[in-house]
Amino acid sequence: MVSDRGTLPRGAVADQQASWAEPTAPGGRRMPSAPRERKPALAAVAILLVALGAASAGYLVLNAGHRVGAVEITQDVGQGQQIPASAIKEVQINADTDVHYVAWQYASRVTGVFARVQIPAGTLLTSNMTASTSNLTAGKVEVGLSLKPGQAPTNLLIGQTVRAFPVGTGSGCGGGANGTGGAGTGAAATPGEPITTGTIVSVSGSTATNGSTAAITLAVPETDAGVLACYASAQDVAIALTPGSG
């Protein structure tokens, strides 16, 4: 008997029906993507910036740790005073500081120069604080004084300006106060009026302790030197700092 189910094998029909039952959906297809545009120049710039940043950071770290020796003043130095070796020491500072410091390698030269200005202890020395010569005695006469306790302030410095006052008769010394801080010739100096105004050239000793004396040299005008020396010989002189002389 002839079959009415066709001549296709049963298995082939099943397979064909299976393939027709699962068609490829249009939504599952991938759209073709555009090729990415490569920018080698921008990549090179980025790499360069990173390298520069790393180099800068390294430079700052190295500089922050780089220190050099400099000269520091350890005790007060008066204007016009020759800087003593005992008044300096080496300190370490950052090499990139804006201060025009004197390097420690020149410390031996520092002790041969003079202070152009009064230099407080703890100051980092700079070249503009020094001078090759002192002009404290220019046009003046130097007079030595031996002062007892109570006749002078403590901690006097070279370069300070002081007034010398009579504190006794001066053993008949001539000269008198002219009302302007200088002594002329004639009568003895008036108590309470200064004999002269001068600049401290040297200081040794101290009047801070009872019984001690201080040897001080003053640079004064020549017209006042004789009267001051007379009062000084009798130790009838006291000195006082002028306003602003520190």
Protein backbone atom coordinates (compact mmCIF):
# COMPACT_ATOMS: atom_id res chain seq x y z
CA MET A 1 0.00 0.00 0.00
CA VAL A 2 1.27 3.37 -1.00
CA SER A 3 1.78 5.76 1.97
CA ASP A 4 0.15 9.26 1.72
CA ARG A 5 2.70 10.89 4.08
CA GLY A 6 5.12 11.75 1.32
CA THR A 7 8.41 10.36 0.38
CA LEU A 8 10.67 12.44 2.80
CA PRO A 9 12.23 10.42 5.52
CA ARG A 10 10.80 10.96 8.94
CA GLY A 11 14.06 12.08 10.48
CA ALA A 12 14.76 14.68 7.80
CA VAL A 13 11.34 16.26 8.27
CA ALA A 14 11.89 16.53 12.00
CA ASP A 15 15.24 18.16 11.50
CA GLN A 16 13.84 20.63 8.96
CA GLN A 17 10.97 21.54 11.23
CA ALA A 18 13.37 22.09 14.09
CA SER A 19 15.49 24.48 12.04
CA TRP A 20 12.40 26.41 10.92
CA ALA A 21 11.13 26.68 14.50
CA GLU A 22 14.19 28.62 15.70
CA PRO A 23 14.90 31.42 13.22
CA THR A 24 17.65 33.90 13.95
CA ALA A 25 16.11 37.00 15.52
CA PRO A 26 17.11 40.32 13.99
CA GLY A 27 17.70 41.77 17.48
CA GLY A 28 20.53 39.34 18.12
CA ARG A 29 22.70 40.63 15.32
CA ARG A 30 25.74 42.90 16.18
CA MET A 31 26.15 46.15 14.39
CA PRO A 32 29.54 46.66 12.86
CA SER A 33 31.69 48.97 15.09
CA ALA A 34 33.80 51.81 13.80
CA PRO A 35 37.53 51.32 14.22
CA ARG A 36 39.05 53.30 17.15
CA GLU A 37 41.11 56.33 16.21
CA ARG A 38 44.56 56.11 17.75
CA LYS A 39 46.23 59.39 18.94
CA PRO A 40 49.91 58.67 19.57
CA ALA A 41 50.71 62.38 20.07
CA LEU A 42 48.37 62.71 23.07
CA ALA A 43 49.74 59.54 24.60
CA ALA A 44 53.28 60.86 24.27
CA VAL A 45 52.34 64.16 25.93
CA ALA A 46 50.70 62.33 28.83
CA ILE A 47 53.79 60.19 29.36
CA LEU A 48 56.00 63.30 29.25
CA LEU A 49 53.88 65.10 31.86
CA VAL A 50 54.04 62.13 34.20
CA ALA A 51 57.81 61.96 33.80
CA LEU A 52 58.21 65.69 34.48
CA GLY A 53 56.03 65.47 37.58
CA ALA A 54 58.08 62.61 38.94
CA ALA A 55 61.34 64.46 38.24
CA SER A 56 60.09 67.65 39.93
CA ALA A 57 58.98 65.74 43.00
CA GLY A 58 62.35 64.03 43.22
CA TYR A 59 64.18 67.35 42.88
CA LEU A 60 62.16 68.91 45.71
CA VAL A 61 62.80 65.94 47.95
CA LEU A 62 66.53 66.09 47.30
CA ASN A 63 66.72 69.85 47.87
CA ALA A 64 64.70 69.62 51.06
CA GLY A 65 67.33 67.32 52.48
CA HIS A 66 70.36 69.28 51.21
CA ARG A 67 71.82 71.44 53.97
CA VAL A 68 74.97 73.57 54.15
CA GLY A 69 77.04 75.14 56.91
CA ALA A 70 76.59 78.85 57.70
CA VAL A 71 77.96 81.33 60.27
CA GLU A 72 75.75 82.26 63.23
CA ILE A 73 76.55 84.97 65.78
CA THR A 74 76.35 83.49 69.30
CA GLN A 75 76.74 86.65 71.39
CA ASP A 76 75.84 90.31 70.96
CA VAL A 77 78.37 92.18 68.80
CA GLY A 78 78.37 95.97 68.92
CA GLN A 79 78.53 98.25 65.92
CA GLY A 80 82.15 98.79 64.94
CA GLN A 81 83.39 95.86 67.03
CA GLN A 82 85.73 93.35 65.50
CA ILE A 83 83.91 90.03 65.46
CA PRO A 84 85.70 87.62 67.83
CA ALA A 85 86.15 83.93 67.10
CA SER A 86 84.25 83.14 70.30
CA ALA A 87 81.14 84.82 68.89
CA ILE A 88 80.57 82.51 65.92
CA LYS A 89 79.50 78.93 65.39
CA GLU A 90 78.45 76.70 62.50
CA VAL A 91 74.77 75.98 61.90
CA GLN A 92 73.12 73.88 59.20
CA ILE A 93 70.55 75.58 56.96
CA ASN A 94 68.68 74.67 53.77
CA ALA A 95 70.75 75.32 50.68
CA ASP A 96 67.84 76.94 48.83
CA THR A 97 67.24 79.70 51.42
CA ASP A 98 66.83 83.27 50.19
CA VAL A 99 69.12 84.64 52.92
CA HIS A 100 72.54 85.74 51.63
CA TYR A 101 74.33 83.94 54.43
CA VAL A 102 78.08 83.74 55.03
CA ALA A 103 79.16 80.15 54.42
CA TRP A 104 81.07 78.43 57.22
CA GLN A 105 84.02 77.84 54.91
CA TYR A 106 84.76 81.58 55.27
CA ALA A 107 84.65 81.53 59.09
CA SER A 108 88.36 82.35 59.35
CA ARG A 109 87.76 85.62 57.49
CA VAL A 110 84.84 86.63 59.69
CA THR A 111 87.05 87.11 62.74
CA GLY A 112 89.04 89.79 60.90
CA VAL A 113 86.13 92.07 60.01
CA PHE A 114 84.01 94.57 61.94
CA ALA A 115 80.30 94.72 62.58
CA ARG A 116 78.69 97.38 60.42
CA VAL A 117 75.62 97.32 62.68
CA GLN A 118 74.83 95.94 66.09
CA ILE A 119 74.33 92.17 65.70
CA PRO A 120 72.20 90.36 68.31
CA ALA A 121 73.06 86.84 69.43
CA GLY A 122 71.37 84.13 67.37
CA THR A 123 71.60 86.09 64.10
CA LEU A 124 72.57 84.36 60.86
CA LEU A 125 75.47 86.46 59.59
CA THR A 126 75.20 88.10 56.17
CA SER A 127 77.86 89.99 54.25
CA ASN A 128 76.08 93.34 54.53
CA MET A 129 76.41 93.17 58.33
CA THR A 130 80.19 93.45 58.13
CA ALA A 131 82.79 96.04 57.18
CA SER A 132 86.53 95.78 56.60
CA THR A 133 87.33 98.74 58.88
CA SER A 134 85.83 100.50 61.90
CA ASN A 135 85.13 104.24 61.82
CA LEU A 136 84.17 104.64 65.49
CA THR A 137 87.24 106.74 66.28
CA ALA A 138 87.36 108.84 63.11
CA GLY A 139 87.98 112.48 64.10
CA LYS A 140 87.78 111.68 67.84
CA VAL A 141 90.09 111.13 70.79
CA GLU A 142 90.07 107.93 72.86
CA VAL A 143 89.82 108.26 76.65
CA GLY A 144 90.00 105.34 79.07
CA LEU A 145 87.62 105.04 82.03
CA SER A 146 87.77 102.75 85.06
CA LEU A 147 84.22 102.43 86.34
CA LYS A 148 83.01 101.00 89.64
CA PRO A 149 79.68 99.27 90.30
CA GLY A 150 76.85 101.74 89.84
CA GLN A 151 78.82 103.92 87.43
CA ALA A 152 77.82 102.11 84.23
CA PRO A 153 75.01 99.91 82.86
CA THR A 154 75.65 96.20 82.54
CA ASN A 155 76.26 94.40 79.25
CA LEU A 156 77.78 97.35 77.42
CA LEU A 157 78.65 96.81 73.77
CA ILE A 158 81.20 98.34 71.46
CA GLY A 159 79.56 100.91 69.21
CA GLN A 160 76.97 102.06 71.73
CA THR A 161 76.63 105.79 72.32
CA VAL A 162 76.85 106.93 75.94
CA ARG A 163 76.91 110.18 77.91
CA ALA A 164 79.55 110.72 80.59
CA PHE A 165 78.36 112.51 83.76
CA PRO A 166 80.42 113.93 86.65
CA VAL A 167 79.69 112.23 89.99
CA GLY A 168 82.24 114.10 92.09
CA THR A 169 84.44 117.17 92.20
CA GLY A 170 86.97 115.78 89.81
CA SER A 171 89.78 117.03 92.08
CA GLY A 172 89.58 120.54 90.72
CA CYS A 173 89.25 119.61 87.05
CA GLY A 174 88.60 122.62 84.83
CA GLY A 175 85.96 122.85 82.17
CA GLY A 176 82.22 123.23 82.40
CA ALA A 177 79.08 122.03 80.77
CA ASN A 178 77.97 124.11 77.83
CA GLY A 179 74.40 122.86 77.95
CA THR A 180 74.72 120.83 74.76
CA GLY A 181 76.38 117.73 76.09
CA GLY A 182 79.94 118.93 75.51
CA ALA A 183 82.37 120.55 77.94
CA GLY A 184 84.28 123.69 77.21
CA THR A 185 87.00 125.32 79.28
CA GLY A 186 86.72 127.22 82.55
CA ALA A 187 84.59 126.08 85.48
CA ALA A 188 84.22 122.52 86.61
CA ALA A 189 81.51 120.35 85.10
CA THR A 190 78.08 120.86 86.60
CA PRO A 191 76.60 117.84 88.40
CA GLY A 192 73.68 116.48 86.41
CA GLU A 193 74.98 117.86 83.14
CA PRO A 194 76.94 115.52 80.83
CA ILE A 195 80.62 116.15 80.34
CA THR A 196 80.49 114.74 76.83
CA THR A 197 78.85 112.21 74.55
CA GLY A 198 81.01 109.43 73.17
CA THR A 199 81.09 106.02 71.52
CA ILE A 200 82.31 102.87 73.25
CA VAL A 201 85.42 101.58 71.53
CA SER A 202 86.35 98.76 73.91
CA VAL A 203 84.94 97.08 77.02
CA SER A 204 86.58 94.71 79.47
CA GLY A 205 85.24 93.53 82.79
CA SER A 206 81.79 94.19 84.17
CA THR A 207 80.15 96.30 86.84
CA ALA A 208 77.40 93.76 87.41
CA THR A 209 79.07 92.31 90.53
CA ASN A 210 79.89 94.28 93.63
CA GLY A 211 83.56 95.13 93.89
CA SER A 212 84.28 94.62 90.18
CA THR A 213 85.39 97.33 87.80
CA ALA A 214 84.97 97.81 84.08
CA ALA A 215 87.64 99.28 81.84
CA ILE A 216 85.98 101.21 79.04
CA THR A 217 87.43 103.27 76.22
CA LEU A 218 85.35 106.12 74.84
CA ALA A 219 85.88 107.99 71.58
CA VAL A 220 84.94 111.62 72.28
CA PRO A 221 85.42 115.01 70.62
CA GLU A 222 88.91 116.40 71.19
CA THR A 223 87.54 119.48 72.98
CA ASP A 224 86.03 117.27 75.69
CA ALA A 225 88.89 114.81 76.11
CA GLY A 226 90.90 116.78 78.70
CA VAL A 227 88.02 117.35 81.13
CA LEU A 228 86.79 113.77 80.78
CA ALA A 229 90.28 112.38 81.42
CA CYS A 230 90.58 114.51 84.55
CA TYR A 231 87.31 113.27 86.03
CA ALA A 232 88.15 109.73 84.95
CA SER A 233 91.49 109.79 86.80
CA ALA A 234 89.58 110.44 90.04
CA GLN A 235 86.92 107.83 89.11
CA ASP A 236 84.34 110.61 89.34
CA VAL A 237 82.60 109.64 86.07
CA ALA A 238 79.46 107.64 85.40
CA ILE A 239 78.12 106.77 81.97
CA ALA A 240 74.58 106.26 80.72
CA LEU A 241 73.27 104.87 77.45
CA THR A 242 71.64 107.39 75.17
CA PRO A 243 68.07 106.68 73.98
CA GLY A 244 67.99 104.22 71.13
CA SER A 245 71.53 102.93 71.63
CA GLY A 246 70.28 99.63 72.99
